[in-house]
Protein backbone atom coordinates (compact mmCIF):
# COMPACT_ATOMS: atom_id res chain seq x y z
CA MET A 1 11.34 -6.97 46.25
CA LYS A 2 10.90 -6.54 42.51
CA ASN A 3 14.56 -6.43 41.50
CA PRO A 4 15.60 -9.73 43.23
CA ASP A 5 12.63 -11.51 41.73
CA ARG A 6 13.40 -10.13 38.30
CA GLY A 7 17.06 -11.12 38.71
CA THR A 8 16.05 -14.67 39.66
CA VAL A 9 13.77 -14.90 36.66
CA ASN A 10 16.47 -13.59 34.37
CA HIS A 11 18.96 -16.06 35.89
CA ARG A 12 16.62 -18.97 35.25
CA LEU A 13 15.86 -17.77 31.74
CA LYS A 14 19.54 -17.46 30.88
CA TRP A 15 20.37 -20.85 32.35
CA THR A 16 17.47 -22.33 30.41
CA GLY A 17 18.72 -20.57 27.31
CA ILE A 18 22.21 -22.00 27.72
CA THR A 19 20.79 -25.48 28.28
CA LEU A 20 18.58 -25.19 25.21
CA LEU A 21 21.55 -23.92 23.22
CA LEU A 22 23.66 -26.91 24.24
CA VAL A 23 20.79 -29.27 23.44
CA ALA A 24 20.34 -27.58 20.06
CA LEU A 25 24.07 -27.83 19.35
CA THR A 26 24.03 -31.49 20.38
CA ILE A 27 21.12 -32.18 18.05
CA ALA A 28 22.84 -30.23 15.27
CA ALA A 29 26.05 -32.16 15.86
CA GLY A 30 24.17 -35.48 15.79
CA TRP A 31 22.44 -34.47 12.58
CA GLY A 32 25.78 -33.45 11.07
CA ILE A 33 27.44 -36.70 12.18
CA TYR A 34 24.67 -38.67 10.53
CA LYS A 35 24.19 -36.59 7.38
CA LEU A 36 27.54 -35.01 6.50
CA PRO A 37 29.82 -38.10 6.10
CA ALA A 38 27.86 -39.62 3.21
CA PRO A 39 28.23 -36.68 0.73
CA LEU A 40 31.83 -36.09 1.82
CA VAL A 41 32.76 -39.74 1.32
CA ASP A 42 30.91 -39.85 -2.00
CA ARG A 43 32.88 -36.84 -3.21
CA MET A 44 36.18 -38.40 -2.11
CA LEU A 45 35.32 -41.75 -3.67
CA GLN A 46 34.26 -40.07 -6.90
CA THR A 47 37.68 -38.47 -7.22
CA ASP A 48 39.40 -41.79 -6.50
CA ILE A 49 37.18 -43.78 -8.87
CA LEU A 50 37.75 -41.30 -11.69
CA LYS A 51 41.52 -41.71 -11.29
CA GLN A 52 41.15 -45.51 -11.31
CA ALA A 53 38.87 -45.30 -14.35
CA GLU A 54 41.59 -43.46 -16.23
CA LEU A 55 43.98 -46.34 -15.46
CA TRP A 56 41.38 -48.92 -16.50
CA LYS A 57 40.82 -47.12 -19.80
CA ARG A 58 44.57 -46.93 -20.45
CA ARG A 59 44.97 -50.65 -19.77
CA VAL A 60 42.16 -51.51 -22.17
CA VAL A 61 43.39 -49.19 -24.94
CA LEU A 62 46.99 -50.38 -24.62
CA HIS A 63 46.06 -54.08 -24.77
CA LEU A 64 43.89 -53.72 -27.86
CA ASP A 65 45.79 -54.23 -31.12
CA ASP A 66 43.67 -51.66 -32.95
CA PRO A 67 41.49 -49.69 -30.50
CA GLU A 68 39.86 -47.59 -33.21
CA MET A 69 38.83 -50.63 -35.26
CA ALA A 70 37.64 -52.48 -32.17
CA LEU A 71 35.51 -49.54 -30.98
CA ARG A 72 34.14 -48.90 -34.44
CA THR A 73 33.33 -52.46 -35.56
CA GLY A 74 33.48 -54.59 -32.46
CA ASN A 75 35.88 -57.03 -34.15
CA ILE A 76 38.11 -58.28 -31.33
CA ASP A 77 40.60 -61.10 -31.69
CA ASP A 78 40.88 -63.97 -29.26
CA HIS A 79 43.86 -62.50 -27.45
CA ASP A 80 42.05 -59.18 -26.82
CA LEU A 81 38.85 -61.02 -25.93
CA GLU A 82 40.67 -63.05 -23.32
CA PHE A 83 42.10 -59.87 -21.77
CA LEU A 84 38.75 -58.08 -21.77
CA SER A 85 36.98 -61.06 -20.20
CA SER A 86 39.57 -61.28 -17.42
CA MET A 87 39.44 -57.55 -16.66
CA PRO A 88 36.64 -57.79 -13.99
CA GLU A 89 38.59 -60.44 -12.10
CA ALA A 90 41.83 -58.40 -12.14
CA SER A 91 40.30 -55.07 -11.07
CA ASP A 92 37.47 -53.47 -9.12
CA VAL A 93 35.40 -53.32 -12.31
CA TYR A 94 32.64 -55.88 -12.31
CA ARG A 95 31.20 -54.88 -15.65
CA PHE A 96 32.20 -52.69 -18.58
CA LYS A 97 31.23 -51.95 -22.18
CA LEU A 98 32.84 -50.68 -25.36
CA LEU A 99 30.75 -48.11 -27.28
CA ASP A 100 31.25 -46.60 -30.72
CA THR A 101 30.84 -42.92 -31.54
CA ALA A 102 27.06 -43.29 -31.98
CA GLY A 103 26.59 -44.88 -28.56
CA ARG A 104 26.12 -48.45 -29.84
CA VAL A 105 27.54 -51.17 -27.57
CA VAL A 106 30.11 -53.09 -29.66
CA TRP A 107 31.28 -55.33 -26.81
CA SER A 108 30.16 -55.92 -23.20
CA THR A 109 30.81 -58.28 -20.33
CA ARG A 110 27.10 -59.01 -20.74
CA ALA A 111 26.63 -60.54 -24.16
CA ASN A 112 22.97 -59.60 -24.32
CA GLU A 113 23.86 -55.90 -24.29
CA ILE A 114 25.97 -56.04 -27.48
CA GLY A 115 24.24 -54.07 -30.21
CA SER A 116 22.11 -51.98 -27.82
CA MET A 117 22.23 -48.16 -27.96
CA GLU A 118 23.07 -45.67 -25.26
CA GLU A 119 20.10 -43.31 -25.53
CA ARG A 120 20.80 -41.00 -22.62
CA ALA A 121 21.39 -37.39 -23.72
CA PHE A 122 24.64 -36.88 -21.81
CA PHE A 123 26.44 -39.32 -24.13
CA ARG A 124 26.09 -36.98 -27.09
CA SER A 125 26.31 -33.72 -25.15
CA ASP A 126 29.23 -34.65 -22.88
CA VAL A 127 30.96 -37.96 -23.65
CA ALA A 128 31.01 -37.45 -27.44
CA ARG A 129 32.78 -34.15 -26.81
CA GLY A 130 35.55 -35.80 -24.83
CA MET A 131 34.12 -35.21 -21.33
CA ILE A 132 34.10 -37.85 -18.59
CA HIS A 133 30.65 -38.57 -17.18
CA TYR A 134 30.19 -39.97 -13.65
CA ILE A 135 26.96 -41.45 -12.30
CA GLN A 136 26.44 -42.77 -8.76
CA GLN A 137 23.41 -44.95 -8.22
CA VAL A 138 21.96 -47.56 -5.88
CA VAL A 139 21.18 -50.92 -7.44
CA PRO A 140 20.00 -54.29 -6.08
CA LEU A 141 22.53 -57.08 -5.53
CA SER A 142 21.18 -59.00 -8.48
CA GLU A 143 22.42 -56.28 -10.85
CA ILE A 144 26.08 -56.79 -9.85
CA ASP A 145 27.92 -59.35 -12.02
CA GLY A 146 30.21 -61.92 -10.45
CA LEU A 147 28.83 -61.46 -6.90
CA ASP A 148 28.32 -64.69 -4.95
CA LEU A 149 25.10 -64.14 -2.99
CA HIS A 150 25.97 -67.02 -0.63
CA THR A 151 29.37 -65.74 0.38
CA ASP A 152 29.68 -64.82 4.04
CA ASN A 153 31.28 -61.45 3.44
CA ILE A 154 28.27 -60.16 1.47
CA GLN A 155 26.34 -57.60 3.48
CA ASN A 156 22.78 -58.26 4.43
CA ALA A 157 21.72 -55.06 2.67
CA THR A 158 19.81 -55.63 -0.55
CA GLN A 159 21.07 -52.41 -2.17
CA HIS A 160 24.61 -51.56 -3.26
CA HIS A 161 26.19 -48.23 -4.25
CA VAL A 162 27.60 -48.44 -7.76
CA ALA A 163 29.60 -45.96 -9.83
CA GLU A 164 29.00 -45.84 -13.58
CA VAL A 165 31.82 -44.03 -15.44
CA PHE A 166 31.86 -43.13 -19.14
CA MET A 167 35.48 -42.65 -20.33
CA PRO A 168 35.80 -41.12 -23.83
CA VAL A 169 38.54 -42.57 -26.09
CA THR A 170 40.21 -40.18 -28.51
CA LYS A 171 42.84 -40.46 -31.19
CA ASN A 172 44.70 -37.40 -32.41
CA GLY A 173 42.07 -35.26 -30.70
CA ARG A 174 39.24 -37.11 -32.46
CA PHE A 175 36.52 -38.99 -30.56
CA ILE A 176 36.58 -42.65 -31.62
CA GLY A 177 34.41 -44.23 -28.92
CA ALA A 178 33.94 -44.69 -25.20
CA ILE A 179 34.36 -47.26 -22.43
CA GLU A 180 31.68 -47.57 -19.74
CA PHE A 181 32.91 -49.00 -16.40
CA PHE A 182 30.78 -50.25 -13.50
CA THR A 183 32.36 -50.60 -10.05
CA ASP A 184 30.81 -51.47 -6.70
CA PHE A 185 32.19 -49.37 -3.84
CA SER A 186 29.55 -50.15 -1.17
CA ASP A 187 31.94 -51.81 1.29
CA LEU A 188 34.52 -49.08 0.95
CA ARG A 189 31.87 -46.40 1.27
CA THR A 190 30.37 -47.99 4.39
CA THR A 191 33.81 -48.28 6.01
CA PHE A 192 34.76 -44.67 5.28
CA ILE A 193 31.40 -43.34 6.48
CA SER A 194 31.63 -45.30 9.75
CA ARG A 195 35.14 -44.04 10.43
CA LEU A 196 34.25 -40.46 9.57
CA ARG A 197 31.19 -40.60 11.81
CA ILE A 198 33.25 -41.89 14.71
CA SER A 199 35.81 -39.12 14.20
CA LEU A 200 33.13 -36.44 13.96
CA ALA A 201 31.36 -37.81 17.03
CA ILE A 202 34.56 -37.65 19.09
CA LEU A 203 35.40 -34.12 17.89
CA SER A 204 31.82 -32.90 18.40
CA GLY A 205 31.70 -34.37 21.91
CA ILE A 206 34.95 -32.68 22.85
CA ALA A 207 33.76 -29.36 21.36
CA LEU A 208 30.38 -29.53 23.08
CA PHE A 209 31.91 -30.44 26.41
CA ALA A 210 34.41 -27.58 26.14
CA LEU A 211 31.68 -25.15 25.07
CA GLY A 212 29.43 -26.19 27.93
CA ALA A 213 32.22 -25.88 30.49
CA VAL A 214 33.29 -22.47 29.20
CA SER A 215 29.69 -21.22 29.03
CA LEU A 216 28.93 -22.37 32.56
CA ALA A 217 32.11 -20.87 33.97
CA THR A 218 31.59 -17.59 32.14
CA TYR A 219 27.95 -17.40 33.14
CA ARG A 220 28.65 -18.00 36.82
CA THR A 221 31.52 -15.52 36.79
CA ASN A 222 29.53 -12.69 35.18
CA ARG A 223 26.10 -13.36 36.64
CA PHE A 224 26.31 -10.99 39.59
CA GLN A 225 27.95 -8.27 37.54
CA VAL A 226 25.30 -8.56 34.89
CA LEU A 227 22.50 -8.36 37.45
CA ALA A 228 24.00 -5.20 38.93
CA LEU A 229 24.40 -3.64 35.51
CA GLN A 230 20.86 -4.61 34.61
CA LYS A 231 19.48 -2.87 37.66
CA GLN A 232 21.43 0.27 36.93
CA SER A 233 20.60 0.25 33.22
CA ALA A 234 16.92 -0.37 34.00
CA LYS A 235 16.80 2.80 36.09
CA GLU A 236 18.63 4.78 33.44
CA ARG A 237 16.44 3.32 30.73
CA ASP A 238 13.26 4.23 32.58
CA LEU A 239 14.53 7.77 33.04
CA MET A 240 15.55 7.99 29.39
CA ASP A 241 12.23 6.56 28.23
CA GLU A 242 10.38 9.15 30.27
CA GLN A 243 12.50 11.94 28.84
CA LEU A 244 12.06 10.62 25.32
CA ARG A 245 8.32 10.32 25.87
CA LEU A 246 8.06 13.89 27.08
CA ALA A 247 10.23 15.13 24.23
CA ARG A 248 8.13 13.20 21.72
CA GLU A 249 4.90 14.57 23.16
CA VAL A 250 6.22 18.13 23.04
CA ARG A 251 7.42 17.64 19.48
CA LEU A 252 4.13 16.09 18.34
CA LEU A 253 2.13 18.83 20.04
CA GLY A 254 4.25 21.44 18.32
CA GLU A 255 3.81 19.74 14.96
CA LEU A 256 0.09 19.33 15.58
CA ASN A 257 -0.28 23.03 16.36
CA GLU A 258 1.73 24.02 13.29
CA TRP A 259 -0.25 21.79 10.94
CA LEU A 260 -3.63 22.70 12.43
CA GLN A 261 -2.91 26.40 12.10
CA SER A 262 -2.10 25.91 8.43
CA SER A 263 -5.29 23.95 7.63
CA ARG A 264 -7.63 25.65 5.16
CA SER A 265 -10.88 23.88 6.01
CA LEU A 266 -12.50 21.87 8.78
CA ASP A 267 -12.32 18.68 6.69
CA GLU A 268 -8.58 19.11 6.26
CA LEU A 269 -8.23 19.97 9.95
CA PHE A 270 -10.05 16.82 11.09
CA ASP A 271 -7.92 14.69 8.76
CA MET A 272 -4.82 16.12 10.45
CA VAL A 273 -6.33 15.51 13.89
CA THR A 274 -7.03 11.88 12.99
CA ARG A 275 -3.46 11.22 11.86
CA PHE A 276 -1.78 13.02 14.77
CA MET A 277 -3.98 11.59 17.53
CA THR A 278 -3.18 8.07 16.30
CA HIS A 279 0.48 8.75 17.13
CA ILE A 280 0.08 11.00 20.17
CA LEU A 281 -2.36 8.73 22.05
CA PRO A 282 -2.01 5.24 20.55
CA GLU A 283 -3.59 3.57 23.60
CA ALA A 284 -6.93 5.35 23.10
CA GLU A 285 -9.61 5.41 20.43
CA GLY A 286 -11.26 8.76 19.89
CA SER A 287 -13.73 10.92 18.02
CA VAL A 288 -14.48 14.63 17.51
CA TYR A 289 -17.86 16.37 17.43
CA VAL A 290 -18.52 20.00 16.42
CA TYR A 291 -21.60 22.14 17.02
CA SER A 292 -23.79 22.61 13.97
CA ASN A 293 -24.67 26.12 12.82
CA SER A 294 -28.01 25.85 14.61
CA ARG A 295 -26.17 24.83 17.82
CA ASP A 296 -28.89 22.36 18.76
CA VAL A 297 -26.81 19.26 17.98
CA LEU A 298 -23.18 18.31 17.49
CA ASP A 299 -22.11 16.72 14.21
CA GLY A 300 -19.67 13.76 14.22
CA CYS A 301 -16.62 14.77 12.19
CA ALA A 302 -13.79 12.24 12.67
CA SER A 303 -12.69 9.14 14.59
CA TRP A 304 -9.44 7.14 14.85
CA ASN A 305 -7.70 4.10 16.40
CA GLY A 306 -10.74 1.90 15.92
CA GLY A 307 -13.18 4.44 17.38
CA SER A 308 -16.47 5.43 15.79
CA HIS A 309 -18.64 8.52 15.85
CA LYS A 310 -22.35 9.04 15.50
CA ALA A 311 -23.80 11.37 12.88
CA HIS A 312 -25.34 13.67 15.51
CA ILE A 313 -25.44 13.86 19.30
CA HIS A 314 -27.31 16.18 21.66
CA PRO A 315 -25.30 18.33 24.08
CA GLU A 316 -27.55 17.19 26.93
CA GLY A 317 -26.35 13.62 26.35
CA CYS A 318 -22.75 14.40 27.40
CA TRP A 319 -21.86 15.01 31.05
CA GLY A 320 -18.78 16.96 30.01
CA LEU A 321 -20.83 19.44 27.98
CA ARG A 322 -23.59 19.65 30.57
CA ARG A 323 -21.14 20.41 33.39
CA GLY A 324 -18.86 22.56 31.25
CA ARG A 325 -15.65 20.74 32.20
CA THR A 326 -13.75 17.51 31.51
CA TYR A 327 -15.62 14.37 32.45
CA GLU A 328 -13.62 11.22 33.26
CA PHE A 329 -15.54 7.96 33.40
CA GLY A 330 -13.92 5.33 35.61
CA ALA A 331 -12.14 7.67 38.01
CA SER A 332 -14.83 7.61 40.75
CA GLU A 333 -16.76 4.94 42.60
CA ILE A 334 -20.01 6.17 41.05
CA ASP A 335 -20.06 7.13 37.37
CA PHE A 336 -22.74 7.81 34.79
CA VAL A 337 -22.37 6.90 31.14
CA CYS A 338 -22.88 9.58 28.49
CA GLU A 339 -25.54 8.87 25.87
CA HIS A 340 -23.06 9.26 23.01
CA ALA A 341 -20.79 6.59 24.64
CA GLU A 342 -23.51 3.90 24.41
CA PRO A 343 -23.28 0.98 24.03
CA HIS A 344 -20.72 1.00 26.83
CA ASP A 345 -18.49 -1.93 27.81
CA GLY A 346 -17.07 -0.50 31.04
CA ARG A 347 -13.84 0.92 29.61
CA PRO A 348 -12.78 4.33 30.98
CA TYR A 349 -13.17 7.37 28.75
CA PHE A 350 -12.69 11.16 28.68
CA CYS A 351 -15.03 13.86 27.42
CA PHE A 352 -13.19 17.15 26.78
CA PRO A 353 -15.39 20.15 25.88
CA ILE A 354 -13.61 22.05 23.09
CA LEU A 355 -13.62 25.74 24.04
CA ALA A 356 -12.56 28.70 21.91
CA HIS A 357 -12.81 32.38 22.90
CA GLY A 358 -15.03 31.45 25.83
CA GLU A 359 -17.48 29.48 23.67
CA THR A 360 -17.93 25.71 23.45
CA VAL A 361 -17.42 24.70 19.83
CA GLY A 362 -17.24 20.92 20.11
CA LEU A 363 -16.34 17.75 22.02
CA LEU A 364 -13.25 15.51 22.07
CA HIS A 365 -14.14 11.96 23.19
CA LEU A 366 -11.39 9.45 24.05
CA ARG A 367 -11.87 5.84 25.20
CA ALA A 368 -9.19 3.44 26.47
CA HIS A 369 -8.28 0.33 24.54
CA GLU A 370 -8.90 -2.99 26.24
CA GLY A 371 -6.29 -3.59 28.96
CA SER A 372 -4.68 -0.11 28.79
CA GLY A 373 -6.62 1.61 31.56
CA GLU A 374 -3.56 2.61 33.61
CA GLU A 375 -1.74 4.20 30.66
CA PHE A 376 -4.98 5.83 29.57
CA HIS A 377 -5.54 7.62 32.91
CA SER A 378 -1.92 8.82 32.95
CA SER A 379 -2.42 10.46 29.55
CA LYS A 380 -5.16 12.84 30.72
CA LYS A 381 -2.91 15.90 30.80
CA LEU A 382 -1.61 15.24 27.31
CA ALA A 383 -5.14 14.68 26.05
CA GLN A 384 -6.20 18.00 27.60
CA LEU A 385 -3.40 19.78 25.74
CA CYS A 386 -4.52 18.16 22.50
CA ALA A 387 -8.10 19.35 23.09
CA GLU A 388 -6.83 22.91 23.57
CA GLN A 389 -4.82 22.76 20.36
CA ILE A 390 -7.83 21.43 18.45
CA SER A 391 -10.18 24.05 19.91
CA MET A 392 -7.99 26.97 18.84
CA ALA A 393 -7.55 25.49 15.37
CA ILE A 394 -11.33 25.05 14.91
CA ALA A 395 -11.93 28.62 16.01
CA ASN A 396 -9.28 29.93 13.61
CA VAL A 397 -10.66 27.96 10.65
CA ARG A 398 -14.21 29.13 11.34
CA MET A 399 -13.09 32.73 11.70
CA ARG A 400 -11.08 32.44 8.48
CA ASP A 401 -14.12 30.96 6.70
CA GLN A 402 -16.34 33.76 7.95
CA LEU A 403 -13.88 36.44 6.84
CA HIS A 404 -13.48 34.75 3.48
CA ASP A 405 -17.24 34.53 2.97
CA GLN A 406 -17.60 38.20 3.86
CA SER A 407 -14.92 39.11 1.32
CA VAL A 408 -16.41 37.09 -1.58
CA ARG A 409 -20.16 37.08 -0.82
CA ASP A 410 -22.82 39.66 -1.52
CA PRO A 411 -24.50 40.41 1.85
CA LEU A 412 -27.98 40.92 0.33
CA THR A 413 -28.35 37.86 -1.92
CA GLY A 414 -25.64 35.55 -0.56
CA LEU A 415 -24.25 35.13 -4.07
CA PHE A 416 -20.58 35.65 -4.91
CA ASN A 417 -19.51 39.23 -5.52
CA ARG A 418 -17.75 40.80 -8.52
CA ARG A 419 -14.29 40.22 -7.06
CA HIS A 420 -14.82 36.46 -6.73
CA MET A 421 -16.50 36.29 -10.15
CA THR A 422 -13.53 37.90 -11.89
CA GLU A 423 -11.07 35.52 -10.22
CA THR A 424 -13.23 32.46 -10.98
CA LEU A 425 -13.68 33.54 -14.62
CA ARG A 426 -9.92 33.97 -15.00
CA LYS A 427 -9.32 30.46 -13.64
CA GLY A 428 -12.05 29.03 -15.89
CA ILE A 429 -10.50 30.61 -19.00
CA SER A 430 -7.06 29.27 -18.01
CA ARG A 431 -8.52 25.78 -17.57
CA SER A 432 -10.29 25.97 -20.93
CA GLN A 433 -7.05 27.04 -22.62
CA GLN A 434 -5.29 23.96 -21.19
CA THR A 435 -8.00 21.33 -21.64
CA GLY A 436 -10.16 22.72 -24.44
CA ALA A 437 -13.28 22.45 -22.24
CA PRO A 438 -16.16 24.77 -23.22
CA LEU A 439 -16.97 27.85 -21.13
CA SER A 440 -19.91 30.25 -21.26
CA LEU A 441 -20.85 33.47 -19.45
CA ILE A 442 -24.42 34.63 -18.84
CA ALA A 443 -25.19 38.29 -17.99
CA VAL A 444 -28.55 38.96 -16.27
CA ASP A 445 -30.32 42.26 -15.60
CA VAL A 446 -33.69 42.73 -13.83
CA ASP A 447 -36.11 44.53 -16.14
CA HIS A 448 -37.53 47.86 -14.92
CA PHE A 449 -35.93 47.43 -11.51
CA LYS A 450 -36.00 51.18 -10.86
CA LYS A 451 -39.81 51.07 -10.99
CA PHE A 452 -39.85 48.51 -8.16
CA ASN A 453 -37.82 50.85 -5.98
CA ASP A 454 -39.75 54.00 -6.94
CA THR A 455 -43.21 52.40 -6.69
CA HIS A 456 -42.85 49.94 -3.79
CA GLY A 457 -39.77 51.12 -1.90
CA HIS A 458 -36.24 49.87 -1.49
CA ASP A 459 -37.31 47.02 0.78
CA ALA A 460 -39.44 45.61 -1.99
CA GLY A 461 -36.52 46.06 -4.39
CA ASP A 462 -34.28 44.11 -2.04
CA MET A 463 -36.84 41.32 -1.94
CA VAL A 464 -36.86 41.22 -5.75
CA LEU A 465 -33.05 41.00 -5.84
CA ARG A 466 -33.06 38.19 -3.26
CA ALA A 467 -35.69 36.30 -5.26
CA VAL A 468 -33.71 36.62 -8.49
CA GLY A 469 -30.50 35.61 -6.66
CA SER A 470 -32.24 32.55 -5.22
CA ALA A 471 -33.45 31.51 -8.69
CA LEU A 472 -29.94 31.90 -10.09
CA GLU A 473 -28.38 29.91 -7.25
CA GLN A 474 -30.91 27.10 -7.66
CA GLY A 475 -30.10 26.96 -11.35
CA CYS A 476 -26.39 26.36 -10.71
CA ASP A 477 -24.97 22.87 -10.93
CA ARG A 478 -21.54 21.38 -10.12
CA ASP A 479 -18.83 24.03 -10.59
CA GLU A 480 -21.16 26.71 -11.93
CA VAL A 481 -21.00 30.06 -10.12
CA ALA A 482 -23.74 32.69 -9.70
CA CYS A 483 -22.63 36.24 -8.86
CA ARG A 484 -24.15 39.66 -8.21
CA ILE A 485 -21.81 42.19 -9.74
CA GLY A 486 -23.73 45.28 -8.63
CA GLY A 487 -27.24 46.77 -8.45
CA GLU A 488 -29.67 44.60 -10.38
CA GLU A 489 -26.93 43.01 -12.53
CA PHE A 490 -25.98 39.34 -12.16
CA MET A 491 -23.68 36.94 -13.97
CA LEU A 492 -23.38 33.13 -14.23
CA ILE A 493 -20.20 31.27 -15.13
CA LEU A 494 -20.95 27.94 -16.84
CA PRO A 495 -17.89 25.68 -17.28
CA ASP A 496 -18.18 22.46 -19.30
CA ASN A 497 -21.36 23.70 -21.05
CA THR A 498 -21.53 23.72 -24.84
CA PRO A 499 -22.93 26.88 -26.47
CA GLU A 500 -26.19 25.06 -27.12
CA ASP A 501 -26.43 23.92 -23.47
CA ALA A 502 -25.65 27.45 -22.27
CA MET A 503 -28.45 28.90 -24.38
CA THR A 504 -30.86 26.28 -23.05
CA ARG A 505 -29.80 27.06 -19.46
CA ALA A 506 -30.25 30.80 -20.07
CA GLU A 507 -33.78 30.32 -21.39
CA LYS A 508 -34.71 28.05 -18.44
CA LEU A 509 -33.33 30.66 -16.08
CA ARG A 510 -35.43 33.39 -17.74
CA GLN A 511 -38.52 31.22 -17.40
CA ALA A 512 -37.73 30.36 -13.78
CA VAL A 513 -37.46 34.05 -12.82
CA GLU A 514 -40.63 34.87 -14.73
CA ALA A 515 -42.45 32.22 -12.68
CA VAL A 516 -41.33 33.69 -9.34
CA SER A 517 -44.02 35.38 -7.25
CA VAL A 518 -42.91 37.85 -4.58
CA ARG A 519 -45.23 39.13 -1.87
CA TYR A 520 -44.50 42.38 -0.13
CA GLY A 521 -46.72 43.12 2.84
CA GLU A 522 -50.31 42.29 1.97
CA LYS A 523 -49.93 42.34 -1.79
CA SER A 524 -47.97 40.60 -4.51
CA LEU A 525 -45.39 42.53 -6.46
CA PRO A 526 -45.64 42.71 -10.25
CA ARG A 527 -44.14 39.87 -12.23
CA ILE A 528 -40.36 39.90 -12.38
CA THR A 529 -38.62 39.51 -15.75
CA ILE A 530 -34.99 39.53 -16.76
CA SER A 531 -32.98 40.25 -19.89
CA VAL A 532 -30.18 37.81 -20.59
CA GLY A 533 -26.99 38.00 -22.67
CA VAL A 534 -24.80 34.96 -23.42
CA ALA A 535 -21.15 34.87 -24.50
CA HIS A 536 -18.95 31.86 -25.23
CA TYR A 537 -15.21 31.28 -24.88
CA PRO A 538 -13.23 31.71 -27.12
CA ALA A 539 -15.65 32.84 -29.82
CA HIS A 540 -16.46 36.12 -28.02
CA GLY A 541 -13.22 36.74 -26.15
CA THR A 542 -10.17 35.15 -24.59
CA MET A 543 -9.81 37.56 -21.66
CA PRO A 544 -12.23 37.97 -18.73
CA GLN A 545 -13.00 41.59 -19.59
CA ASP A 546 -13.62 40.73 -23.26
CA LEU A 547 -16.02 37.92 -22.36
CA MET A 548 -17.87 40.14 -19.83
CA ARG A 549 -18.14 42.95 -22.38
CA ALA A 550 -19.55 40.57 -25.02
CA ALA A 551 -22.15 39.25 -22.56
CA ASP A 552 -23.10 42.82 -21.53
CA ASP A 553 -23.46 43.85 -25.18
CA ALA A 554 -25.76 40.92 -25.80
CA LEU A 555 -27.72 41.91 -22.67
CA TYR A 556 -28.18 45.47 -23.96
CA VAL A 557 -29.41 44.12 -27.30
CA ALA A 558 -31.98 42.03 -25.39
CA LYS A 559 -33.17 45.17 -23.58
CA ASP A 560 -33.31 47.16 -26.81
CA LYS A 561 -35.42 44.45 -28.43
CA GLY A 562 -38.07 44.54 -25.73
CA ARG A 563 -36.55 42.86 -22.62
CA ASN A 564 -37.51 39.48 -21.12
CA GLN A 565 -35.50 37.55 -23.69
CA VAL A 566 -32.16 35.88 -24.30
CA GLN A 567 -29.58 37.15 -26.80
CA VAL A 568 -26.29 35.53 -27.75
CA ALA A 569 -23.19 37.47 -28.68
CA ARG A 570 -21.44 36.88 -32.01
CA ALA A 571 -17.86 37.55 -32.97
CA ALA A 572 -18.60 40.43 -35.38
CA HIS A 573 -22.04 41.51 -34.17
CA ILE A 574 -24.85 40.37 -31.91
CA ILE A 575 -28.03 38.93 -33.37
CA ASN A 576 -31.07 37.22 -31.99
CA ALA A 577 -30.58 33.43 -31.94
CA SER A 578 -34.04 33.00 -33.48
CA THR A 579 -32.92 34.91 -36.61
CA ASP A 580 -30.47 32.14 -37.61
CA LYS A 581 -31.84 28.99 -36.07
CA GLY A 582 -35.56 29.43 -36.37
CA PRO A 583 -38.05 29.27 -33.53
CA THR A 584 -37.21 25.65 -32.66
CA GLY A 585 -33.47 25.37 -33.35
CA PRO A 586 -30.73 24.88 -30.73
CA GLY A 587 -30.07 28.00 -28.70
CA THR A 588 -33.36 29.57 -29.85
CA THR A 589 -34.90 32.16 -27.55
CA GLN A 590 -38.08 34.03 -28.06
CA PRO A 591 -39.29 37.05 -26.17
CA SER A 592 -42.09 36.38 -23.81
CA SER A 593 -45.51 37.45 -24.98
CA SER A 594 -45.66 39.69 -21.94
CA ALA A 595 -42.21 41.27 -22.33
CA ALA A 596 -41.92 44.48 -20.40
């Protein structure tokens, strides 16, 4: 029953469209009949008036004994004056003026205008250069000379259309003056407009009638064929849309998998998920949660399509996580709302546990947009595939992070190892070469570490190393890197620190380690002290190995001078900073009174 109803609706819509089109064309034709004749007639009359004005000018010039003298001085004999005065009665001109080259009126049918000046700019810019100037204006009847207001043939209208024409007069190519004609063409204009409107109305009526008849005949002839084609094309279109939808979903899933597998961090991964899910499931808002390292809560990581996520949720608050399988709210007669979905407005939603290698790593939550419940339920399979793609990507990123940490971290102290330190130092030197930013390297060695191992055992020694590593890590800021390069030796890379700042940081680090108290079993271990060597780029080297060697040399000088102190390397030799700067100068370090 759907297709006949749709065909009837389409039939009515098309018929309505044709009717509206004819009405619109009728209105457009009426507007054109009313508006178009006036400018067309004005253009035609302008051409005709300009031709007549040329004849009027020629008649005036030919009848004047000396046109140049008359236009220049206004001296006109009686014979010429009689001709000029009779000109309005013998032509369509009801008023005209003679003007000299400066625009002064030397003679006029209105005596009171003689001696006045034509101040309008076009006289000097156009007329004085030999150009004809035409002005059409509407004036009251009182402005028209020689018009009998009581005559029966005068129109009732109080406004008349008048043409004002400036005709330049030249002699031997030289401008000697101008003649200004005034002519009233209102009656002629009204007649032409009326006739043109009648003609346009007849032509428009014939055209509209023919168009309506042809449209109706064509519509009735093709209606049944069109309906049949529409039914067939609708089926083909639905099939094509389904195929295109499936192809698009497969393509997007493939692209999603490719991009997710190439992500280098979870933040980058969730950014990709946000962008792809907006396109893959546009009818649903969503969010992603991932288990924290403690696995007691899930952290909100991303949301899209108008969705929102909470900072933390408990796994017991999600029915999908509690039951270990997908939970679909709105698919059963009795449903329970998850805590993380509150406040809930009744819209259906999915909760997909994200599984990887048999372990739940997170949650994908999707909620239908208002009014898209049917499309939302039909997208469950696609959403499940997306959850699987996301789960594998999260597992891969975490595994990659773990492997990377194992390759660059020292397992005992958690600091970076020698391999990572060398690479970071090389990058820091390259950056300093490009930007000129300062760079310093601090070498640290635990004083008398062998005694801790020999006296208290290796476990106590490991505790000392962890304590020193913790102090170094706490002393790092921004892009600074603390590393354990082997045994009891440590190094700190300090980018963007001036030599004076680096010396201050080294001394604070020495004091921080000296203040550390380590308990082993029931007793406290002896006080821990460190010897520190500082080297600066490029004063002490431009290569990583040169800078490390300079810092080590300064460290050995600190040990030779009694340990528990800071020494700075110099280009030619290494001296104690206190030797040059004094006990209170910048970069000054003094051995502790209890140096080992």
